[in-house]
PDB file of all heavy atoms in Angstrom:
ATOM      1  N   GLY A   1      -6.957 -22.768  21.920  1.00  0.00           N
ATOM      2  CA  GLY A   1      -6.269 -21.736  21.168  1.00  0.00           C
ATOM      3  C   GLY A   1      -7.160 -20.977  20.203  1.00  0.00           C
ATOM      4  O   GLY A   1      -6.690 -20.203  19.404  1.00  0.00           O
ATOM      5  N   GLY A   2      -8.436 -21.218  20.253  1.00  0.00           N
ATOM      6  CA  GLY A   2      -9.363 -20.547  19.340  1.00  0.00           C
ATOM      7  C   GLY A   2      -9.503 -19.075  19.668  1.00  0.00           C
ATOM      8  O   GLY A   2      -9.097 -18.612  20.716  1.00  0.00           O
ATOM      9  N   GLY A   3     -10.121 -18.349  18.762  1.00  0.00           N
ATOM     10  CA  GLY A   3     -10.221 -16.908  18.912  1.00  0.00           C
ATOM     11  C   GLY A   3     -11.473 -16.429  19.597  1.00  0.00           C
ATOM     12  O   GLY A   3     -11.756 -15.256  19.575  1.00  0.00           O
ATOM     13  N   GLY A   4     -12.289 -17.287  20.142  1.00  0.00           N
ATOM     14  CA  GLY A   4     -13.436 -16.773  20.872  1.00  0.00           C
ATOM     15  C   GLY A   4     -14.750 -17.241  20.306  1.00  0.00           C
ATOM     16  O   GLY A   4     -14.951 -18.411  20.040  1.00  0.00           O
ATOM     17  N   GLY A   5     -15.672 -16.288  20.076  1.00  0.00           N
ATOM     18  CA  GLY A   5     -17.071 -16.564  19.813  1.00  0.00           C
ATOM     19  C   GLY A   5     -17.426 -17.407  18.610  1.00  0.00           C
ATOM     20  O   GLY A   5     -18.474 -18.011  18.590  1.00  0.00           O
ATOM     21  N   GLY A   6     -16.624 -17.467  17.575  1.00  0.00           N
ATOM     22  CA  GLY A   6     -17.011 -18.184  16.370  1.00  0.00           C
ATOM     23  C   GLY A   6     -16.747 -19.669  16.475  1.00  0.00           C
ATOM     24  O   GLY A   6     -16.132 -20.172  17.398  1.00  0.00           O
ATOM     25  N   VAL A   7     -17.244 -20.416  15.499  1.00  0.00           N
ATOM     26  CA  VAL A   7     -16.982 -21.845  15.420  1.00  0.00           C
ATOM     27  C   VAL A   7     -15.546 -22.019  14.969  1.00  0.00           C
ATOM     28  O   VAL A   7     -15.077 -21.299  14.097  1.00  0.00           O
ATOM     29  CB  VAL A   7     -17.957 -22.498  14.405  1.00  0.00           C
ATOM     30  CG1 VAL A   7     -17.645 -23.955  14.230  1.00  0.00           C
ATOM     31  CG2 VAL A   7     -19.392 -22.278  14.843  1.00  0.00           C
ATOM     32  N   ALA A   8     -14.824 -22.986  15.553  1.00  0.00           N
ATOM     33  CA  ALA A   8     -13.420 -23.201  15.193  1.00  0.00           C
ATOM     34  C   ALA A   8     -13.316 -23.419  13.697  1.00  0.00           C
ATOM     35  O   ALA A   8     -14.062 -24.191  13.112  1.00  0.00           O
ATOM     36  CB  ALA A   8     -12.863 -24.392  15.955  1.00  0.00           C
ATOM     37  N   GLY A   9     -12.405 -22.736  13.038  1.00  0.00           N
ATOM     38  CA  GLY A   9     -12.204 -22.890  11.614  1.00  0.00           C
ATOM     39  C   GLY A   9     -12.897 -21.819  10.783  1.00  0.00           C
ATOM     40  O   GLY A   9     -12.617 -21.693   9.606  1.00  0.00           O
ATOM     41  N   ASP A  10     -13.826 -21.080  11.363  1.00  0.00           N
ATOM     42  CA  ASP A  10     -14.501 -20.028  10.608  1.00  0.00           C
ATOM     43  C   ASP A  10     -13.552 -18.848  10.426  1.00  0.00           C
ATOM     44  O   ASP A  10     -12.841 -18.458  11.345  1.00  0.00           O
ATOM     45  CB  ASP A  10     -15.751 -19.531  11.341  1.00  0.00           C
ATOM     46  CG  ASP A  10     -16.925 -20.480  11.206  1.00  0.00           C
ATOM     47  OD1 ASP A  10     -16.792 -21.461  10.451  1.00  0.00           O
ATOM     48  OD2 ASP A  10     -17.948 -20.240  11.859  1.00  0.00           O
ATOM     49  N   LEU A  11     -13.532 -18.299   9.234  1.00  0.00           N
ATOM     50  CA  LEU A  11     -12.753 -17.108   8.947  1.00  0.00           C
ATOM     51  C   LEU A  11     -13.694 -15.918   9.001  1.00  0.00           C
ATOM     52  O   LEU A  11     -14.737 -15.917   8.344  1.00  0.00           O
ATOM     53  CB  LEU A  11     -12.115 -17.204   7.560  1.00  0.00           C
ATOM     54  CG  LEU A  11     -11.388 -15.962   7.066  1.00  0.00           C
ATOM     55  CD1 LEU A  11     -10.192 -15.666   7.976  1.00  0.00           C
ATOM     56  CD2 LEU A  11     -10.920 -16.159   5.642  1.00  0.00           C
ATOM     57  N   VAL A  12     -13.325 -14.924   9.784  1.00  0.00           N
ATOM     58  CA  VAL A  12     -14.202 -13.773   9.946  1.00  0.00           C
ATOM     59  C   VAL A  12     -13.443 -12.517   9.537  1.00  0.00           C
ATOM     60  O   VAL A  12     -12.369 -12.233  10.049  1.00  0.00           O
ATOM     61  CB  VAL A  12     -14.671 -13.635  11.416  1.00  0.00           C
ATOM     62  CG1 VAL A  12     -15.530 -12.390  11.584  1.00  0.00           C
ATOM     63  CG2 VAL A  12     -15.417 -14.874  11.853  1.00  0.00           C
ATOM     64  N   VAL A  13     -13.993 -11.796   8.572  1.00  0.00           N
ATOM     65  CA  VAL A  13     -13.465 -10.503   8.178  1.00  0.00           C
ATOM     66  C   VAL A  13     -14.624  -9.526   8.258  1.00  0.00           C
ATOM     67  O   VAL A  13     -15.638  -9.706   7.595  1.00  0.00           O
ATOM     68  CB  VAL A  13     -12.907 -10.530   6.737  1.00  0.00           C
ATOM     69  CG1 VAL A  13     -12.453  -9.143   6.325  1.00  0.00           C
ATOM     70  CG2 VAL A  13     -11.773 -11.521   6.620  1.00  0.00           C
ATOM     71  N   ASN A  14     -14.471  -8.539   9.082  1.00  0.00           N
ATOM     72  CA  ASN A  14     -15.523  -7.549   9.233  1.00  0.00           C
ATOM     73  C   ASN A  14     -15.376  -6.473   8.166  1.00  0.00           C
ATOM     74  O   ASN A  14     -14.280  -5.932   7.972  1.00  0.00           O
ATOM     75  CB  ASN A  14     -15.474  -6.914  10.628  1.00  0.00           C
ATOM     76  CG  ASN A  14     -15.767  -7.932  11.707  1.00  0.00           C
ATOM     77  OD1 ASN A  14     -16.666  -8.739  11.578  1.00  0.00           O
ATOM     78  ND2 ASN A  14     -14.980  -7.908  12.772  1.00  0.00           N
ATOM     79  N   GLN A  15     -16.462  -6.193   7.473  1.00  0.00           N
ATOM     80  CA  GLN A  15     -16.438  -5.190   6.413  1.00  0.00           C
ATOM     81  C   GLN A  15     -16.022  -3.823   6.957  1.00  0.00           C
ATOM     82  O   GLN A  15     -15.361  -3.061   6.266  1.00  0.00           O
ATOM     83  CB  GLN A  15     -17.809  -5.106   5.734  1.00  0.00           C
ATOM     84  CG  GLN A  15     -18.248  -6.393   5.069  1.00  0.00           C
ATOM     85  CD  GLN A  15     -17.296  -6.854   3.976  1.00  0.00           C
ATOM     86  OE1 GLN A  15     -16.739  -6.042   3.258  1.00  0.00           O
ATOM     87  NE2 GLN A  15     -17.120  -8.147   3.863  1.00  0.00           N
ATOM     88  N   ASP A  16     -16.407  -3.537   8.198  1.00  0.00           N
ATOM     89  CA  ASP A  16     -16.029  -2.255   8.792  1.00  0.00           C
ATOM     90  C   ASP A  16     -14.513  -2.139   8.929  1.00  0.00           C
ATOM     91  O   ASP A  16     -13.953  -1.058   8.759  1.00  0.00           O
ATOM     92  CB  ASP A  16     -16.680  -2.085  10.166  1.00  0.00           C
ATOM     93  CG  ASP A  16     -18.187  -1.913  10.071  1.00  0.00           C
ATOM     94  OD1 ASP A  16     -18.683  -1.599   8.964  1.00  0.00           O
ATOM     95  OD2 ASP A  16     -18.877  -2.108  11.090  1.00  0.00           O
ATOM     96  N   ASP A  17     -13.853  -3.272   9.230  1.00  0.00           N
ATOM     97  CA  ASP A  17     -12.390  -3.256   9.352  1.00  0.00           C
ATOM     98  C   ASP A  17     -11.734  -2.948   8.011  1.00  0.00           C
ATOM     99  O   ASP A  17     -10.798  -2.155   7.932  1.00  0.00           O
ATOM    100  CB  ASP A  17     -11.875  -4.602   9.874  1.00  0.00           C
ATOM    101  CG  ASP A  17     -12.328  -4.881  11.299  1.00  0.00           C
ATOM    102  OD1 ASP A  17     -12.672  -3.926  12.016  1.00  0.00           O
ATOM    103  OD2 ASP A  17     -12.336  -6.065  11.684  1.00  0.00           O
ATOM    104  N   LEU A  18     -12.219  -3.584   6.946  1.00  0.00           N
ATOM    105  CA  LEU A  18     -11.676  -3.317   5.613  1.00  0.00           C
ATOM    106  C   LEU A  18     -11.863  -1.851   5.245  1.00  0.00           C
ATOM    107  O   LEU A  18     -10.946  -1.198   4.737  1.00  0.00           O
ATOM    108  CB  LEU A  18     -12.353  -4.198   4.560  1.00  0.00           C
ATOM    109  CG  LEU A  18     -12.041  -5.681   4.586  1.00  0.00           C
ATOM    110  CD1 LEU A  18     -12.869  -6.402   3.526  1.00  0.00           C
ATOM    111  CD2 LEU A  18     -10.569  -5.937   4.366  1.00  0.00           C
ATOM    112  N   GLY A  19     -13.054  -1.337   5.503  1.00  0.00           N
ATOM    113  CA  GLY A  19     -13.337   0.058   5.184  1.00  0.00           C
ATOM    114  C   GLY A  19     -12.474   1.014   5.984  1.00  0.00           C
ATOM    115  O   GLY A  19     -11.992   2.020   5.460  1.00  0.00           O
ATOM    116  N   ALA A  20     -12.251   0.694   7.260  1.00  0.00           N
ATOM    117  CA  ALA A  20     -11.446   1.577   8.114  1.00  0.00           C
ATOM    118  C   ALA A  20      -9.996   1.625   7.645  1.00  0.00           C
ATOM    119  O   ALA A  20      -9.393   2.702   7.578  1.00  0.00           O
ATOM    120  CB  ALA A  20     -11.518   1.112   9.566  1.00  0.00           C
ATOM    121  N   VAL A  21      -9.436   0.471   7.293  1.00  0.00           N
ATOM    122  CA  VAL A  21      -8.054   0.442   6.818  1.00  0.00           C
ATOM    123  C   VAL A  21      -7.949   1.158   5.474  1.00  0.00           C
ATOM    124  O   VAL A  21      -7.005   1.916   5.228  1.00  0.00           O
ATOM    125  CB  VAL A  21      -7.523  -1.010   6.724  1.00  0.00           C
ATOM    126  CG1 VAL A  21      -6.150  -1.048   6.082  1.00  0.00           C
ATOM    127  CG2 VAL A  21      -7.474  -1.641   8.100  1.00  0.00           C
ATOM    128  N   GLY A  22      -8.918   0.923   4.600  1.00  0.00           N
ATOM    129  CA  GLY A  22      -8.930   1.616   3.316  1.00  0.00           C
ATOM    130  C   GLY A  22      -9.018   3.127   3.487  1.00  0.00           C
ATOM    131  O   GLY A  22      -8.333   3.890   2.799  1.00  0.00           O
ATOM    132  N   HIS A  23      -9.854   3.562   4.423  1.00  0.00           N
ATOM    133  CA  HIS A  23      -9.989   5.002   4.696  1.00  0.00           C
ATOM    134  C   HIS A  23      -8.683   5.572   5.253  1.00  0.00           C
ATOM    135  O   HIS A  23      -8.252   6.661   4.854  1.00  0.00           O
ATOM    136  CB  HIS A  23     -11.130   5.261   5.672  1.00  0.00           C
ATOM    137  CG  HIS A  23     -11.254   6.691   6.074  1.00  0.00           C
ATOM    138  ND1 HIS A  23     -11.742   7.660   5.224  1.00  0.00           N
ATOM    139  CD2 HIS A  23     -10.912   7.329   7.223  1.00  0.00           C
ATOM    140  CE1 HIS A  23     -11.701   8.829   5.838  1.00  0.00           C
ATOM    141  NE2 HIS A  23     -11.205   8.657   7.051  1.00  0.00           N
ATOM    142  N   ASP A  24      -8.039   4.834   6.166  1.00  0.00           N
ATOM    143  CA  ASP A  24      -6.760   5.295   6.725  1.00  0.00           C
ATOM    144  C   ASP A  24      -5.692   5.410   5.634  1.00  0.00           C
ATOM    145  O   ASP A  24      -4.890   6.347   5.642  1.00  0.00           O
ATOM    146  CB  ASP A  24      -6.285   4.349   7.829  1.00  0.00           C
ATOM    147  CG  ASP A  24      -7.112   4.473   9.100  1.00  0.00           C
ATOM    148  OD1 ASP A  24      -7.882   5.449   9.226  1.00  0.00           O
ATOM    149  OD2 ASP A  24      -6.992   3.578   9.967  1.00  0.00           O
ATOM    150  N   ALA A  25      -5.686   4.454   4.706  1.00  0.00           N
ATOM    151  CA  ALA A  25      -4.727   4.509   3.599  1.00  0.00           C
ATOM    152  C   ALA A  25      -4.995   5.730   2.724  1.00  0.00           C
ATOM    153  O   ALA A  25      -4.064   6.407   2.278  1.00  0.00           O
ATOM    154  CB  ALA A  25      -4.786   3.228   2.771  1.00  0.00           C
ATOM    155  N   PHE A  26      -6.264   6.041   2.491  1.00  0.00           N
ATOM    156  CA  PHE A  26      -6.612   7.219   1.699  1.00  0.00           C
ATOM    157  C   PHE A  26      -6.203   8.496   2.431  1.00  0.00           C
ATOM    158  O   PHE A  26      -5.655   9.430   1.824  1.00  0.00           O
ATOM    159  CB  PHE A  26      -8.114   7.253   1.388  1.00  0.00           C
ATOM    160  CG  PHE A  26      -8.520   8.472   0.621  1.00  0.00           C
ATOM    161  CD1 PHE A  26      -8.229   8.582  -0.730  1.00  0.00           C
ATOM    162  CD2 PHE A  26      -9.185   9.518   1.252  1.00  0.00           C
ATOM    163  CE1 PHE A  26      -8.599   9.719  -1.450  1.00  0.00           C
ATOM    164  CE2 PHE A  26      -9.551  10.653   0.539  1.00  0.00           C
ATOM    165  CZ  PHE A  26      -9.260  10.755  -0.807  1.00  0.00           C
ATOM    166  N   THR A  27      -6.455   8.557   3.736  1.00  0.00           N
ATOM    167  CA  THR A  27      -6.074   9.729   4.528  1.00  0.00           C
ATOM    168  C   THR A  27      -4.555   9.920   4.510  1.00  0.00           C
ATOM    169  O   THR A  27      -4.063  11.048   4.346  1.00  0.00           O
ATOM    170  CB  THR A  27      -6.563   9.574   5.982  1.00  0.00           C
ATOM    171  OG1 THR A  27      -7.983   9.414   5.968  1.00  0.00           O
ATOM    172  CG2 THR A  27      -6.191  10.770   6.835  1.00  0.00           C
ATOM    173  N   LEU A  28      -3.813   8.819   4.663  1.00  0.00           N
ATOM    174  CA  LEU A  28      -2.354   8.891   4.598  1.00  0.00           C
ATOM    175  C   LEU A  28      -1.908   9.376   3.229  1.00  0.00           C
ATOM    176  O   LEU A  28      -1.010  10.217   3.111  1.00  0.00           O
ATOM    177  CB  LEU A  28      -1.738   7.524   4.911  1.00  0.00           C
ATOM    178  CG  LEU A  28      -0.222   7.439   4.864  1.00  0.00           C
ATOM    179  CD1 LEU A  28       0.421   8.403   5.851  1.00  0.00           C
ATOM    180  CD2 LEU A  28       0.230   6.008   5.140  1.00  0.00           C
ATOM    181  N   TYR A  29      -2.553   8.871   2.181  1.00  0.00           N
ATOM    182  CA  TYR A  29      -2.244   9.305   0.821  1.00  0.00           C
ATOM    183  C   TYR A  29      -2.403  10.821   0.688  1.00  0.00           C
ATOM    184  O   TYR A  29      -1.518  11.502   0.170  1.00  0.00           O
ATOM    185  CB  TYR A  29      -3.159   8.589  -0.184  1.00  0.00           C
ATOM    186  CG  TYR A  29      -3.054   9.134  -1.584  1.00  0.00           C
ATOM    187  CD1 TYR A  29      -2.067   8.674  -2.450  1.00  0.00           C
ATOM    188  CD2 TYR A  29      -3.921  10.126  -2.034  1.00  0.00           C
ATOM    189  CE1 TYR A  29      -1.960   9.187  -3.735  1.00  0.00           C
ATOM    190  CE2 TYR A  29      -3.820  10.640  -3.314  1.00  0.00           C
ATOM    191  CZ  TYR A  29      -2.836  10.166  -4.161  1.00  0.00           C
ATOM    192  OH  TYR A  29      -2.726  10.677  -5.418  1.00  0.00           O
ATOM    193  N   GLU A  30      -3.538  11.338   1.145  1.00  0.00           N
ATOM    194  CA  GLU A  30      -3.796  12.783   1.037  1.00  0.00           C
ATOM    195  C   GLU A  30      -2.780  13.594   1.840  1.00  0.00           C
ATOM    196  O   GLU A  30      -2.283  14.617   1.372  1.00  0.00           O
ATOM    197  CB  GLU A  30      -5.223  13.110   1.495  1.00  0.00           C
ATOM    198  CG  GLU A  30      -6.284  12.712   0.497  1.00  0.00           C
ATOM    199  CD  GLU A  30      -6.159  13.463  -0.821  1.00  0.00           C
ATOM    200  OE1 GLU A  30      -5.918  14.687  -0.817  1.00  0.00           O
ATOM    201  OE2 GLU A  30      -6.297  12.812  -1.871  1.00  0.00           O
ATOM    202  N   ASP A  31      -2.467  13.130   3.056  1.00  0.00           N
ATOM    203  CA  ASP A  31      -1.496  13.845   3.890  1.00  0.00           C
ATOM    204  C   ASP A  31      -0.112  13.844   3.249  1.00  0.00           C
ATOM    205  O   ASP A  31       0.586  14.865   3.229  1.00  0.00           O
ATOM    206  CB  ASP A  31      -1.424  13.229   5.283  1.00  0.00           C
ATOM    207  CG  ASP A  31      -2.677  13.482   6.106  1.00  0.00           C
ATOM    208  OD1 ASP A  31      -3.508  14.328   5.711  1.00  0.00           O
ATOM    209  OD2 ASP A  31      -2.843  12.805   7.149  1.00  0.00           O
ATOM    210  N   LEU A  32       0.292  12.692   2.710  1.00  0.00           N
ATOM    211  CA  LEU A  32       1.600  12.606   2.058  1.00  0.00           C
ATOM    212  C   LEU A  32       1.635  13.445   0.786  1.00  0.00           C
ATOM    213  O   LEU A  32       2.636  14.100   0.494  1.00  0.00           O
ATOM    214  CB  LEU A  32       1.943  11.153   1.729  1.00  0.00           C
ATOM    215  CG  LEU A  32       2.311  10.262   2.905  1.00  0.00           C
ATOM    216  CD1 LEU A  32       2.449   8.814   2.448  1.00  0.00           C
ATOM    217  CD2 LEU A  32       3.596  10.735   3.554  1.00  0.00           C
ATOM    218  N   ARG A  33       0.559  13.408   0.032  1.00  0.00           N
ATOM    219  CA  ARG A  33       0.518  14.138  -1.242  1.00  0.00           C
ATOM    220  C   ARG A  33       0.717  15.631  -1.017  1.00  0.00           C
ATOM    221  O   ARG A  33       1.435  16.295  -1.763  1.00  0.00           O
ATOM    222  CB  ARG A  33      -0.813  13.887  -1.944  1.00  0.00           C
ATOM    223  CG  ARG A  33      -0.899  14.464  -3.351  1.00  0.00           C
ATOM    224  CD  ARG A  33      -2.246  14.193  -3.985  1.00  0.00           C
ATOM    225  NE  ARG A  33      -3.353  14.771  -3.243  1.00  0.00           N
ATOM    226  CZ  ARG A  33      -3.702  16.055  -3.277  1.00  0.00           C
ATOM    227  NH1 ARG A  33      -3.033  16.898  -4.010  1.00  0.00           N
ATOM    228  NH2 ARG A  33      -4.728  16.489  -2.564  1.00  0.00           N
ATOM    229  N   THR A  34       0.119  16.150   0.046  1.00  0.00           N
ATOM    230  CA  THR A  34       0.215  17.588   0.292  1.00  0.00           C
ATOM    231  C   THR A  34       1.454  17.971   1.100  1.00  0.00           C
ATOM    232  O   THR A  34       1.867  19.127   1.055  1.00  0.00           O
ATOM    233  CB  THR A  34      -1.037  18.103   1.034  1.00  0.00           C
ATOM    234  OG1 THR A  34      -1.181  17.387   2.258  1.00  0.00           O
ATOM    235  CG2 THR A  34      -2.272  17.920   0.190  1.00  0.00           C
ATOM    236  N   GLY A  35       2.051  17.018   1.814  1.00  0.00           N
ATOM    237  CA  GLY A  35       3.156  17.378   2.701  1.00  0.00           C
ATOM    238  C   GLY A  35       4.542  16.944   2.280  1.00  0.00           C
ATOM    239  O   GLY A  35       5.516  17.309   2.925  1.00  0.00           O
ATOM    240  N   THR A  36       4.670  16.186   1.195  1.00  0.00           N
ATOM    241  CA  THR A  36       6.000  15.656   0.861  1.00  0.00           C
ATOM    242  C   THR A  36       6.614  16.265  -0.380  1.00  0.00           C
ATOM    243  O   THR A  36       7.664  15.836  -0.818  1.00  0.00           O
ATOM    244  CB  THR A  36       5.948  14.131   0.651  1.00  0.00           C
ATOM    245  OG1 THR A  36       5.067  13.842  -0.431  1.00  0.00           O
ATOM    246  CG2 THR A  36       5.522  13.407   1.897  1.00  0.00           C
ATOM    247  N   ASP A  37       5.994  17.259  -0.973  1.00  0.00           N
ATOM    248  CA  ASP A  37       6.505  17.824  -2.217  1.00  0.00           C
ATOM    249  C   ASP A  37       7.584  18.855  -1.934  1.00  0.00           C
ATOM    250  O   ASP A  37       7.353  20.058  -2.020  1.00  0.00           O
ATOM    251  CB  ASP A  37       5.356  18.436  -3.022  1.00  0.00           C
ATOM    252  CG  ASP A  37       5.820  18.961  -4.379  1.00  0.00           C
ATOM    253  OD1 ASP A  37       6.919  18.568  -4.825  1.00  0.00           O
ATOM    254  OD2 ASP A  37       5.084  19.753  -4.984  1.00  0.00           O
ATOM    255  N   ILE A  38       8.801  18.403  -1.607  1.00  0.00           N
ATOM    256  CA  ILE A  38       9.873  19.362  -1.334  1.00  0.00           C
ATOM    257  C   ILE A  38      10.444  19.926  -2.631  1.00  0.00           C
ATOM    258  O   ILE A  38      11.041  20.989  -2.628  1.00  0.00           O
ATOM    259  CB  ILE A  38      10.998  18.760  -0.457  1.00  0.00           C
ATOM    260  CG1 ILE A  38      11.702  17.611  -1.163  1.00  0.00           C
ATOM    261  CG2 ILE A  38      10.474  18.341   0.884  1.00  0.00           C
ATOM    262  CD1 ILE A  38      12.953  17.139  -0.458  1.00  0.00           C
ATOM    263  N   ALA A  39      10.249  19.222  -3.748  1.00  0.00           N
ATOM    264  CA  ALA A  39      10.744  19.743  -5.024  1.00  0.00           C
ATOM    265  C   ALA A  39       9.934  20.960  -5.465  1.00  0.00           C
ATOM    266  O   ALA A  39      10.465  21.868  -6.105  1.00  0.00           O
ATOM    267  CB  ALA A  39      10.695  18.663  -6.095  1.00  0.00           C
ATOM    268  N   GLY A  40       8.647  20.988  -5.124  1.00  0.00           N
ATOM    269  CA  GLY A  40       7.788  22.081  -5.568  1.00  0.00           C
ATOM    270  C   GLY A  40       7.515  23.142  -4.522  1.00  0.00           C
ATOM    271  O   GLY A  40       6.908  24.164  -4.831  1.00  0.00           O
ATOM    272  N   ALA A  41       7.944  22.901  -3.282  1.00  0.00           N
ATOM    273  CA  ALA A  41       7.669  23.866  -2.209  1.00  0.00           C
ATOM    274  C   ALA A  41       8.389  25.181  -2.483  1.00  0.00           C
ATOM    275  O   ALA A  41       9.564  25.201  -2.842  1.00  0.00           O
ATOM    276  CB  ALA A  41       8.122  23.289  -0.870  1.00  0.00           C
ATOM    277  N   GLY A  42       7.692  26.286  -2.337  1.00  0.00           N
ATOM    278  CA  GLY A  42       8.281  27.613  -2.562  1.00  0.00           C
ATOM    279  C   GLY A  42       8.639  27.854  -4.019  1.00  0.00           C
ATOM    280  O   GLY A  42       9.670  28.456  -4.327  1.00  0.00           O
TER     281      GLY A  42
END
């Protein structure tokens, strides 16, 4: 039931994965910030 290449029990977190999720959250933030202001539109 192991996950593949690593030694059983090793926890692996790739820095690139953290950065990618953080970047996606920032992109979503920017998109929401500019697209959800119905109170101020027009």
